[in-house]
């Protein structure tokens, strides 16, 4: 009977429980989190880490896309608005890349054109530099997981790494050879 009562109580509780956060208004006063001033504050100020007691503070959102194992990532955004704008820039990179690829451009040419086009358009609108970073990912088998080349801000270096890993992959190189190239 006690077990039935517990089951009934669990069924009556909503699956998503409301969360009570301490939100601050424009003057720093405690307000409801749905208060417009609190929402603006969350959007306009740098995002706070979920773990401030672990020494992680003011880590912003990052956006990324993947083009045939070449991952393009933004730097940490200072606000939600900036993160959204940078995501839009990356969506544009992917769109232009697909257009160029379908038009017959090779991988490197399509990536160059897509990144340059999106960044030039964004800069023309007065947008802040998204501080793009590039890595190449390789799925080294289920037990080794995904491996990444070192992060670089230089697109040429990333494309060189991508070409080398693709060449090794296509030639049937062993996982050890590919991992050695990643670590080199």
N, C-alpha and C. Protein backbone atom coordinates (compact mmCIF):
# COMPACT_ATOMS: atom_id res chain seq x y z
N UNK A 1 0.83 -1.19 0.00
CA UNK A 1 0.00 0.00 0.00
C UNK A 1 0.88 1.26 0.00
N UNK A 2 1.94 1.24 0.79
CA UNK A 2 2.84 2.38 0.85
C UNK A 2 3.52 2.59 -0.51
N UNK A 3 3.85 1.49 -1.18
CA UNK A 3 4.47 1.57 -2.49
C UNK A 3 3.50 2.17 -3.51
N UNK A 4 2.23 1.82 -3.42
CA UNK A 4 1.22 2.37 -4.31
C UNK A 4 1.06 3.88 -4.10
N UNK A 5 1.14 4.32 -2.83
CA UNK A 5 1.03 5.74 -2.54
C UNK A 5 2.21 6.51 -3.14
N UNK A 6 3.41 5.93 -3.04
CA UNK A 6 4.59 6.57 -3.61
C UNK A 6 4.46 6.68 -5.12
N UNK A 7 3.97 5.62 -5.77
CA UNK A 7 3.78 5.64 -7.21
C UNK A 7 2.77 6.70 -7.62
N UNK A 8 1.68 6.83 -6.84
CA UNK A 8 0.67 7.84 -7.14
C UNK A 8 1.25 9.25 -7.00
N UNK A 9 2.06 9.46 -5.97
CA UNK A 9 2.67 10.77 -5.77
C UNK A 9 3.62 11.10 -6.92
N UNK A 10 4.39 10.11 -7.38
CA UNK A 10 5.32 10.33 -8.48
C UNK A 10 4.57 10.65 -9.77
N UNK A 11 3.43 9.98 -9.97
CA UNK A 11 2.65 10.22 -11.18
C UNK A 11 2.01 11.60 -11.16
N UNK A 12 1.71 12.14 -9.99
CA UNK A 12 1.08 13.44 -9.89
C UNK A 12 2.07 14.58 -10.09
N UNK A 13 3.36 14.33 -9.85
CA UNK A 13 4.36 15.37 -9.99
C UNK A 13 4.68 15.57 -11.47
N UNK A 14 4.81 16.81 -11.90
CA UNK A 14 5.17 17.05 -13.30
C UNK A 14 6.57 16.52 -13.59
N UNK A 15 6.80 16.12 -14.85
CA UNK A 15 8.10 15.59 -15.24
C UNK A 15 9.19 16.65 -15.16
N UNK A 16 8.84 17.89 -15.47
CA UNK A 16 9.81 18.99 -15.40
C UNK A 16 9.46 19.84 -14.20
N UNK A 17 10.38 19.89 -13.28
CA UNK A 17 10.17 20.66 -12.06
C UNK A 17 10.65 22.09 -12.26
N UNK A 18 9.92 23.07 -11.78
CA UNK A 18 10.41 24.45 -11.88
C UNK A 18 11.67 24.63 -11.05
N UNK A 19 12.57 25.43 -11.56
CA UNK A 19 13.84 25.68 -10.88
C UNK A 19 13.82 27.09 -10.35
N UNK A 20 14.25 27.26 -9.13
CA UNK A 20 14.31 28.58 -8.54
C UNK A 20 15.74 29.07 -8.58
N UNK A 21 15.99 30.09 -9.37
CA UNK A 21 17.31 30.70 -9.44
C UNK A 21 17.27 32.05 -8.76
N UNK A 22 18.42 32.46 -8.25
CA UNK A 22 18.54 33.82 -7.75
C UNK A 22 18.88 34.69 -8.95
N UNK A 23 17.98 35.56 -9.32
CA UNK A 23 18.24 36.48 -10.42
C UNK A 23 18.33 37.88 -9.87
N UNK A 24 19.13 38.68 -10.53
CA UNK A 24 19.34 40.05 -10.09
C UNK A 24 18.80 41.02 -11.15
N UNK A 25 18.17 42.07 -10.69
CA UNK A 25 17.67 43.10 -11.58
C UNK A 25 18.78 44.05 -11.96
N UNK A 26 18.42 45.11 -12.68
CA UNK A 26 19.40 46.08 -13.17
C UNK A 26 20.19 46.73 -12.04
N UNK A 27 19.56 46.90 -10.87
CA UNK A 27 20.23 47.54 -9.74
C UNK A 27 20.86 46.50 -8.80
N UNK A 28 20.83 45.24 -9.21
CA UNK A 28 21.43 44.19 -8.39
C UNK A 28 20.48 43.61 -7.36
N UNK A 29 19.23 44.06 -7.34
CA UNK A 29 18.27 43.55 -6.37
C UNK A 29 17.78 42.16 -6.80
N UNK A 30 17.35 41.38 -5.82
CA UNK A 30 16.82 40.04 -6.08
C UNK A 30 15.44 40.18 -6.73
N UNK A 31 15.24 39.56 -7.90
CA UNK A 31 13.97 39.64 -8.61
C UNK A 31 13.59 38.25 -9.12
N UNK A 32 12.36 38.11 -9.57
CA UNK A 32 11.93 36.88 -10.23
C UNK A 32 12.75 36.70 -11.50
N UNK A 33 13.08 35.47 -11.85
CA UNK A 33 13.88 35.22 -13.04
C UNK A 33 13.15 35.56 -14.33
N UNK A 34 11.84 35.67 -14.28
CA UNK A 34 11.08 36.03 -15.48
C UNK A 34 10.97 37.54 -15.64
N UNK A 35 11.50 38.28 -14.69
CA UNK A 35 11.48 39.74 -14.77
C UNK A 35 12.31 40.18 -15.98
N UNK A 36 11.78 41.08 -16.82
CA UNK A 36 12.51 41.51 -18.02
C UNK A 36 13.92 42.03 -17.74
N UNK A 37 14.10 42.74 -16.64
CA UNK A 37 15.44 43.26 -16.32
C UNK A 37 16.42 42.11 -16.07
N UNK A 38 15.95 41.04 -15.43
CA UNK A 38 16.82 39.89 -15.18
C UNK A 38 17.16 39.19 -16.48
N UNK A 39 16.19 39.08 -17.37
CA UNK A 39 16.46 38.44 -18.67
C UNK A 39 17.48 39.25 -19.46
N UNK A 40 17.31 40.58 -19.49
CA UNK A 40 18.27 41.43 -20.20
C UNK A 40 19.66 41.27 -19.61
N UNK A 41 19.74 41.23 -18.29
CA UNK A 41 21.03 41.09 -17.63
C UNK A 41 21.70 39.79 -18.04
N UNK A 42 20.93 38.70 -18.12
CA UNK A 42 21.51 37.41 -18.52
C UNK A 42 21.99 37.45 -19.96
N UNK A 43 21.32 38.20 -20.82
CA UNK A 43 21.71 38.27 -22.22
C UNK A 43 22.89 39.21 -22.42
N UNK A 44 22.89 40.34 -21.72
CA UNK A 44 23.88 41.38 -21.98
C UNK A 44 25.23 41.14 -21.30
N UNK A 45 25.25 40.44 -20.20
CA UNK A 45 26.49 40.25 -19.46
C UNK A 45 27.09 38.91 -19.79
N UNK A 46 28.42 38.75 -19.63
CA UNK A 46 29.04 37.45 -19.92
C UNK A 46 28.38 36.34 -19.11
N UNK A 47 28.27 35.21 -19.73
CA UNK A 47 27.65 34.08 -19.06
C UNK A 47 28.54 33.61 -17.92
N UNK A 48 27.92 33.23 -16.84
CA UNK A 48 28.66 32.74 -15.69
C UNK A 48 28.82 31.23 -15.79
N UNK A 49 29.92 30.72 -15.36
CA UNK A 49 30.16 29.30 -15.36
C UNK A 49 29.20 28.60 -14.41
N UNK A 50 28.94 27.35 -14.72
CA UNK A 50 28.11 26.54 -13.83
C UNK A 50 28.90 26.11 -12.60
N UNK A 51 30.21 26.21 -12.68
CA UNK A 51 31.06 25.75 -11.58
C UNK A 51 32.04 26.83 -11.13
N UNK A 52 31.55 27.95 -10.61
CA UNK A 52 32.48 29.02 -10.23
C UNK A 52 33.42 28.60 -9.11
N UNK A 53 33.00 27.68 -8.26
CA UNK A 53 33.86 27.24 -7.18
C UNK A 53 35.02 26.37 -7.66
N UNK A 54 35.01 25.99 -8.93
CA UNK A 54 36.08 25.18 -9.50
C UNK A 54 37.06 26.05 -10.29
N UNK A 55 36.96 27.36 -10.12
CA UNK A 55 37.89 28.26 -10.80
C UNK A 55 37.49 28.59 -12.22
N UNK A 56 36.30 28.18 -12.62
CA UNK A 56 35.84 28.48 -13.97
C UNK A 56 34.82 29.60 -13.89
N UNK A 57 35.14 30.73 -14.45
CA UNK A 57 34.21 31.86 -14.41
C UNK A 57 34.16 32.54 -15.76
N UNK A 58 33.02 33.12 -16.06
CA UNK A 58 32.81 33.89 -17.28
C UNK A 58 33.19 33.12 -18.55
N UNK A 59 32.78 31.87 -18.63
CA UNK A 59 33.01 31.13 -19.86
C UNK A 59 31.80 31.31 -20.74
N UNK A 60 32.02 31.77 -21.95
CA UNK A 60 30.92 32.03 -22.85
C UNK A 60 30.63 30.85 -23.74
N UNK A 61 29.57 30.98 -24.50
CA UNK A 61 29.18 29.95 -25.44
C UNK A 61 30.12 29.95 -26.64
N UNK A 62 30.28 28.79 -27.22
CA UNK A 62 31.06 28.63 -28.44
C UNK A 62 30.17 27.94 -29.46
N UNK A 63 30.38 28.24 -30.71
CA UNK A 63 29.63 27.58 -31.77
C UNK A 63 30.63 26.87 -32.68
N UNK A 64 30.19 25.82 -33.34
CA UNK A 64 31.08 25.12 -34.26
C UNK A 64 30.28 24.43 -35.35
N UNK A 65 30.96 24.18 -36.45
CA UNK A 65 30.42 23.39 -37.55
C UNK A 65 31.49 22.41 -37.98
N UNK A 66 31.10 21.43 -38.73
CA UNK A 66 32.05 20.45 -39.22
C UNK A 66 31.87 20.31 -40.73
N UNK A 67 32.96 20.43 -41.47
CA UNK A 67 32.97 20.27 -42.92
C UNK A 67 33.91 19.12 -43.25
N UNK A 68 33.36 17.95 -43.44
CA UNK A 68 34.17 16.76 -43.78
C UNK A 68 35.37 16.60 -42.84
N UNK A 69 35.11 16.53 -41.59
CA UNK A 69 36.10 16.35 -40.51
C UNK A 69 36.89 17.60 -40.15
N UNK A 70 36.73 18.69 -40.85
CA UNK A 70 37.35 19.96 -40.46
C UNK A 70 36.34 20.68 -39.59
N UNK A 71 36.69 20.85 -38.32
CA UNK A 71 35.80 21.52 -37.39
C UNK A 71 36.22 22.98 -37.28
N UNK A 72 35.26 23.87 -37.46
CA UNK A 72 35.49 25.31 -37.35
C UNK A 72 34.74 25.78 -36.12
N UNK A 73 35.47 26.36 -35.16
CA UNK A 73 34.89 26.77 -33.88
C UNK A 73 35.09 28.27 -33.66
N UNK A 74 34.15 28.88 -32.97
CA UNK A 74 34.32 30.28 -32.59
C UNK A 74 35.02 30.33 -31.25
N UNK A 75 35.48 31.52 -30.91
CA UNK A 75 35.99 31.76 -29.56
C UNK A 75 34.79 31.83 -28.61
N UNK A 76 35.06 32.05 -27.34
CA UNK A 76 33.99 32.17 -26.35
C UNK A 76 33.28 33.51 -26.52
N UNK A 77 31.98 33.45 -26.68
CA UNK A 77 31.20 34.68 -26.85
C UNK A 77 31.02 35.37 -25.51
N UNK A 78 30.93 36.68 -25.56
CA UNK A 78 30.76 37.47 -24.34
C UNK A 78 29.30 37.65 -23.96
N UNK A 79 28.39 37.30 -24.86
CA UNK A 79 26.96 37.44 -24.57
C UNK A 79 26.19 36.44 -25.42
N UNK A 80 24.97 36.23 -25.05
CA UNK A 80 24.10 35.34 -25.82
C UNK A 80 23.90 35.90 -27.23
N UNK A 81 23.74 37.19 -27.35
CA UNK A 81 23.56 37.82 -28.65
C UNK A 81 24.77 37.56 -29.54
N UNK A 82 25.95 37.72 -28.99
CA UNK A 82 27.17 37.48 -29.75
C UNK A 82 27.27 36.01 -30.16
N UNK A 83 26.93 35.10 -29.27
CA UNK A 83 26.97 33.67 -29.59
C UNK A 83 26.02 33.35 -30.73
N UNK A 84 24.84 33.93 -30.71
CA UNK A 84 23.86 33.70 -31.78
C UNK A 84 24.39 34.27 -33.10
N UNK A 85 24.94 35.46 -33.06
CA UNK A 85 25.47 36.08 -34.28
C UNK A 85 26.61 35.24 -34.86
N UNK A 86 27.49 34.75 -34.01
CA UNK A 86 28.60 33.93 -34.49
C UNK A 86 28.09 32.60 -35.04
N UNK A 87 27.04 32.07 -34.45
CA UNK A 87 26.44 30.84 -34.99
C UNK A 87 25.91 31.11 -36.39
N UNK A 88 25.30 32.27 -36.59
CA UNK A 88 24.79 32.64 -37.91
C UNK A 88 25.94 32.74 -38.91
N UNK A 89 27.08 33.29 -38.49
CA UNK A 89 28.26 33.37 -39.36
C UNK A 89 28.68 31.96 -39.78
N UNK A 90 28.71 31.03 -38.83
CA UNK A 90 29.12 29.66 -39.16
C UNK A 90 28.11 28.96 -40.06
N UNK A 91 26.83 29.23 -39.84
CA UNK A 91 25.81 28.66 -40.74
C UNK A 91 26.04 29.17 -42.16
N UNK A 92 26.40 30.44 -42.27
CA UNK A 92 26.70 31.01 -43.59
C UNK A 92 27.93 30.35 -44.20
N UNK A 93 28.95 30.07 -43.39
CA UNK A 93 30.14 29.36 -43.89
C UNK A 93 29.71 28.02 -44.48
N UNK A 94 28.90 27.30 -43.74
CA UNK A 94 28.46 25.97 -44.20
C UNK A 94 27.62 26.08 -45.48
N UNK A 95 26.77 27.09 -45.56
CA UNK A 95 25.92 27.29 -46.74
C UNK A 95 26.77 27.58 -47.97
N UNK A 96 27.72 28.50 -47.84
CA UNK A 96 28.57 28.86 -48.98
C UNK A 96 29.45 27.67 -49.35
N UNK A 97 29.96 26.94 -48.36
CA UNK A 97 30.76 25.75 -48.64
C UNK A 97 29.97 24.76 -49.49
N UNK A 98 28.72 24.50 -49.11
CA UNK A 98 27.89 23.55 -49.87
C UNK A 98 27.63 24.06 -51.28
N UNK A 99 27.35 25.35 -51.41
CA UNK A 99 27.11 25.93 -52.73
C UNK A 99 28.34 25.75 -53.63
N UNK A 100 29.51 26.07 -53.09
CA UNK A 100 30.75 25.95 -53.87
C UNK A 100 31.06 24.49 -54.20
N UNK A 101 30.82 23.60 -53.25
CA UNK A 101 31.07 22.17 -53.49
C UNK A 101 30.16 21.64 -54.59
N UNK A 102 28.89 22.01 -54.53
CA UNK A 102 27.94 21.57 -55.55
C UNK A 102 28.26 22.17 -56.92
N UNK A 103 28.91 23.32 -56.93
CA UNK A 103 29.29 23.97 -58.18
C UNK A 103 30.59 23.39 -58.74
N UNK A 104 31.19 22.44 -58.04
CA UNK A 104 32.38 21.76 -58.55
C UNK A 104 33.70 22.19 -57.94
N UNK A 105 33.69 23.08 -56.97
CA UNK A 105 34.95 23.48 -56.32
C UNK A 105 35.49 22.33 -55.49
N UNK A 106 36.81 22.26 -55.39
CA UNK A 106 37.44 21.29 -54.52
C UNK A 106 37.24 21.69 -53.06
N UNK A 107 37.58 20.78 -52.15
CA UNK A 107 37.36 21.01 -50.72
C UNK A 107 38.06 22.28 -50.24
N UNK A 108 39.36 22.40 -50.50
CA UNK A 108 40.12 23.55 -50.00
C UNK A 108 39.59 24.87 -50.55
N UNK A 109 39.32 24.90 -51.85
CA UNK A 109 38.81 26.13 -52.46
C UNK A 109 37.46 26.50 -51.87
N UNK A 110 36.58 25.50 -51.69
CA UNK A 110 35.25 25.77 -51.13
C UNK A 110 35.35 26.29 -49.70
N UNK A 111 36.25 25.71 -48.90
CA UNK A 111 36.43 26.17 -47.51
C UNK A 111 36.98 27.60 -47.50
N UNK A 112 38.02 27.85 -48.29
CA UNK A 112 38.60 29.20 -48.34
C UNK A 112 37.54 30.23 -48.70
N UNK A 113 36.80 29.95 -49.76
CA UNK A 113 35.80 30.91 -50.22
C UNK A 113 34.71 31.10 -49.18
N UNK A 114 34.26 30.01 -48.58
CA UNK A 114 33.17 30.09 -47.59
C UNK A 114 33.59 30.91 -46.37
N UNK A 115 34.76 30.63 -45.83
CA UNK A 115 35.22 31.35 -44.64
C UNK A 115 35.44 32.83 -44.97
N UNK A 116 36.14 33.09 -46.07
CA UNK A 116 36.41 34.49 -46.45
C UNK A 116 35.12 35.25 -46.71
N UNK A 117 34.20 34.63 -47.42
CA UNK A 117 32.93 35.28 -47.75
C UNK A 117 32.13 35.62 -46.49
N UNK A 118 31.98 34.64 -45.62
CA UNK A 118 31.19 34.86 -44.39
C UNK A 118 31.84 35.90 -43.49
N UNK A 119 33.16 35.83 -43.32
CA UNK A 119 33.85 36.80 -42.46
C UNK A 119 33.82 38.20 -43.06
N UNK A 120 33.97 38.31 -44.37
CA UNK A 120 33.91 39.63 -45.01
C UNK A 120 32.52 40.24 -44.87
N UNK A 121 31.48 39.42 -45.09
CA UNK A 121 30.10 39.92 -44.92
C UNK A 121 29.88 40.38 -43.49
N UNK A 122 30.35 39.58 -42.54
CA UNK A 122 30.16 39.89 -41.12
C UNK A 122 30.91 41.17 -40.74
N UNK A 123 32.14 41.29 -41.21
CA UNK A 123 32.93 42.50 -40.91
C UNK A 123 32.28 43.72 -41.55
N UNK A 124 31.71 43.55 -42.74
CA UNK A 124 31.02 44.65 -43.41
C UNK A 124 29.82 45.14 -42.64
N UNK A 125 29.23 44.26 -41.82
CA UNK A 125 28.11 44.65 -40.98
C UNK A 125 28.57 45.20 -39.63
N UNK A 126 29.89 45.29 -39.46
CA UNK A 126 30.43 45.81 -38.20
C UNK A 126 30.49 44.78 -37.09
N UNK A 127 30.44 43.51 -37.45
CA UNK A 127 30.45 42.44 -36.44
C UNK A 127 31.83 42.21 -35.84
N UNK A 128 31.84 41.77 -34.58
CA UNK A 128 33.09 41.47 -33.87
C UNK A 128 33.71 40.19 -34.43
N UNK A 129 35.02 40.13 -34.41
CA UNK A 129 35.77 38.96 -34.88
C UNK A 129 35.36 37.73 -34.08
N UNK A 130 34.87 36.67 -34.75
CA UNK A 130 34.47 35.46 -34.01
C UNK A 130 35.66 34.60 -33.56
N UNK A 131 36.88 35.04 -33.85
CA UNK A 131 38.09 34.33 -33.41
C UNK A 131 38.03 32.84 -33.77
N UNK A 132 37.91 32.56 -35.07
CA UNK A 132 37.76 31.18 -35.53
C UNK A 132 39.00 30.35 -35.22
N UNK A 133 38.74 29.12 -34.86
CA UNK A 133 39.78 28.13 -34.60
C UNK A 133 39.42 26.90 -35.41
N UNK A 134 40.45 26.14 -35.78
CA UNK A 134 40.23 24.99 -36.64
C UNK A 134 40.90 23.75 -36.04
N UNK A 135 40.22 22.64 -36.13
CA UNK A 135 40.78 21.34 -35.77
C UNK A 135 40.26 20.33 -36.77
N UNK A 136 41.00 19.25 -36.92
CA UNK A 136 40.55 18.15 -37.77
C UNK A 136 40.30 16.98 -36.85
N UNK A 137 39.14 16.35 -37.03
CA UNK A 137 38.80 15.22 -36.18
C UNK A 137 38.93 13.91 -36.95
N UNK A 138 39.26 12.87 -36.22
CA UNK A 138 39.39 11.55 -36.81
C UNK A 138 38.84 10.54 -35.82
N UNK A 139 37.90 9.73 -36.27
CA UNK A 139 37.33 8.68 -35.42
C UNK A 139 38.26 7.48 -35.49
N UNK A 140 39.01 7.30 -34.43
CA UNK A 140 40.10 6.32 -34.44
C UNK A 140 39.66 4.90 -34.11
N UNK A 141 38.48 4.60 -34.03
CA UNK A 141 37.82 3.31 -33.73
C UNK A 141 37.02 3.50 -32.45
N UNK A 142 36.06 2.65 -32.25
CA UNK A 142 35.20 2.82 -31.07
C UNK A 142 35.95 2.83 -29.74
N UNK A 143 36.99 2.03 -29.59
CA UNK A 143 37.67 1.99 -28.28
C UNK A 143 38.66 3.13 -28.08
N UNK A 144 39.08 3.81 -29.15
CA UNK A 144 39.98 4.95 -28.99
C UNK A 144 39.25 6.28 -29.02
N UNK A 145 38.05 6.29 -29.57
CA UNK A 145 37.27 7.52 -29.63
C UNK A 145 37.76 8.49 -30.68
N UNK A 146 37.21 9.67 -30.67
CA UNK A 146 37.56 10.70 -31.64
C UNK A 146 38.83 11.41 -31.19
N UNK A 147 39.75 11.58 -32.11
CA UNK A 147 41.00 12.29 -31.85
C UNK A 147 40.97 13.59 -32.64
N UNK A 148 41.64 14.62 -32.13
CA UNK A 148 41.68 15.91 -32.80
C UNK A 148 43.12 16.36 -32.99
N UNK A 149 43.36 17.05 -34.10
CA UNK A 149 44.65 17.68 -34.30
C UNK A 149 44.74 18.86 -33.33
N UNK A 150 45.92 19.39 -33.10
CA UNK A 150 46.01 20.58 -32.25
C UNK A 150 45.20 21.73 -32.86
N UNK A 151 44.65 22.56 -32.01
CA UNK A 151 43.86 23.71 -32.44
C UNK A 151 44.78 24.74 -33.08
N UNK A 152 44.30 25.33 -34.18
CA UNK A 152 45.05 26.40 -34.82
C UNK A 152 44.09 27.49 -35.26
N UNK A 153 44.59 28.71 -35.29
CA UNK A 153 43.80 29.82 -35.84
C UNK A 153 44.16 30.05 -37.30
N UNK A 154 45.09 29.27 -37.82
CA UNK A 154 45.56 29.40 -39.18
C UNK A 154 44.83 28.40 -40.07
N UNK A 155 43.98 28.90 -40.96
CA UNK A 155 43.20 28.03 -41.85
C UNK A 155 44.10 27.19 -42.74
N UNK A 156 45.22 27.77 -43.21
CA UNK A 156 46.14 27.03 -44.08
C UNK A 156 46.71 25.80 -43.38
N UNK A 157 47.11 25.97 -42.11
CA UNK A 157 47.63 24.83 -41.34
C UNK A 157 46.55 23.76 -41.17
N UNK A 158 45.34 24.19 -40.87
CA UNK A 158 44.24 23.23 -40.68
C UNK A 158 43.95 22.48 -41.97
N UNK A 159 43.97 23.18 -43.09
CA UNK A 159 43.71 22.50 -44.37
C UNK A 159 44.83 21.53 -44.72
N UNK A 160 46.07 21.88 -44.37
CA UNK A 160 47.19 20.96 -44.58
C UNK A 160 47.01 19.70 -43.74
N UNK A 161 46.64 19.89 -42.46
CA UNK A 161 46.39 18.74 -41.58
C UNK A 161 45.25 17.89 -42.13
N UNK A 162 44.20 18.55 -42.58
CA UNK A 162 43.04 17.83 -43.13
C UNK A 162 43.45 17.00 -44.35
N UNK A 163 44.20 17.61 -45.27
CA UNK A 163 44.63 16.91 -46.48
C UNK A 163 45.49 15.71 -46.14
N UNK A 164 46.39 15.88 -45.18
CA UNK A 164 47.28 14.77 -44.78
C UNK A 164 46.48 13.63 -44.16
N UNK A 165 45.56 13.94 -43.28
CA UNK A 165 44.76 12.89 -42.65
C UNK A 165 43.84 12.20 -43.65
N UNK A 166 43.29 12.97 -44.57
CA UNK A 166 42.45 12.37 -45.62
C UNK A 166 43.29 11.44 -46.49
N UNK A 167 44.50 11.88 -46.84
CA UNK A 167 45.39 11.05 -47.66
C UNK A 167 45.70 9.74 -46.94
N UNK A 168 46.04 9.83 -45.66
CA UNK A 168 46.33 8.63 -44.88
C UNK A 168 45.11 7.72 -44.78
N UNK A 169 43.98 8.31 -44.51
CA UNK A 169 42.74 7.54 -44.38
C UNK A 169 42.40 6.83 -45.68
N UNK A 170 42.47 7.58 -46.79
CA UNK A 170 42.13 7.00 -48.10
C UNK A 170 43.12 5.94 -48.57
N UNK A 171 44.36 6.02 -48.10
CA UNK A 171 45.38 5.05 -48.51
C UNK A 171 45.33 3.78 -47.66
N UNK A 172 44.43 3.76 -46.68
CA UNK A 172 44.30 2.57 -45.83
C UNK A 172 45.33 2.51 -44.72
N UNK A 173 45.87 3.65 -44.34
CA UNK A 173 46.87 3.67 -43.26
C UNK A 173 46.27 3.12 -41.97
N UNK A 174 47.12 2.57 -41.14
CA UNK A 174 46.66 2.03 -39.86
C UNK A 174 46.26 3.15 -38.92
N UNK A 175 45.51 2.78 -37.90
CA UNK A 175 45.12 3.77 -36.89
C UNK A 175 46.35 4.37 -36.22
N UNK A 176 47.36 3.55 -36.00
CA UNK A 176 48.59 4.03 -35.36
C UNK A 176 49.27 5.10 -36.21
N UNK A 177 49.31 4.88 -37.53
CA UNK A 177 49.93 5.86 -38.43
C UNK A 177 49.15 7.18 -38.42
N UNK A 178 47.83 7.05 -38.43
CA UNK A 178 47.00 8.25 -38.42
C UNK A 178 47.14 8.99 -37.09
N UNK A 179 47.14 8.25 -35.98
CA UNK A 179 47.32 8.89 -34.66
C UNK A 179 48.70 9.54 -34.55
N UNK A 180 49.71 8.92 -35.13
CA UNK A 180 51.05 9.51 -35.11
C UNK A 180 51.06 10.83 -35.89
N UNK A 181 50.34 10.87 -37.02
CA UNK A 181 50.26 12.11 -37.80
C UNK A 181 49.51 13.19 -37.02
N UNK A 182 48.49 12.82 -36.29
CA UNK A 182 47.74 13.79 -35.49
C UNK A 182 48.63 14.37 -34.40
N UNK A 183 49.43 13.54 -33.79
CA UNK A 183 50.26 13.97 -32.66
C UNK A 183 51.53 14.68 -33.10
N UNK A 184 51.84 14.60 -34.39
CA UNK A 184 53.09 15.22 -34.91
C UNK A 184 53.00 16.73 -34.95
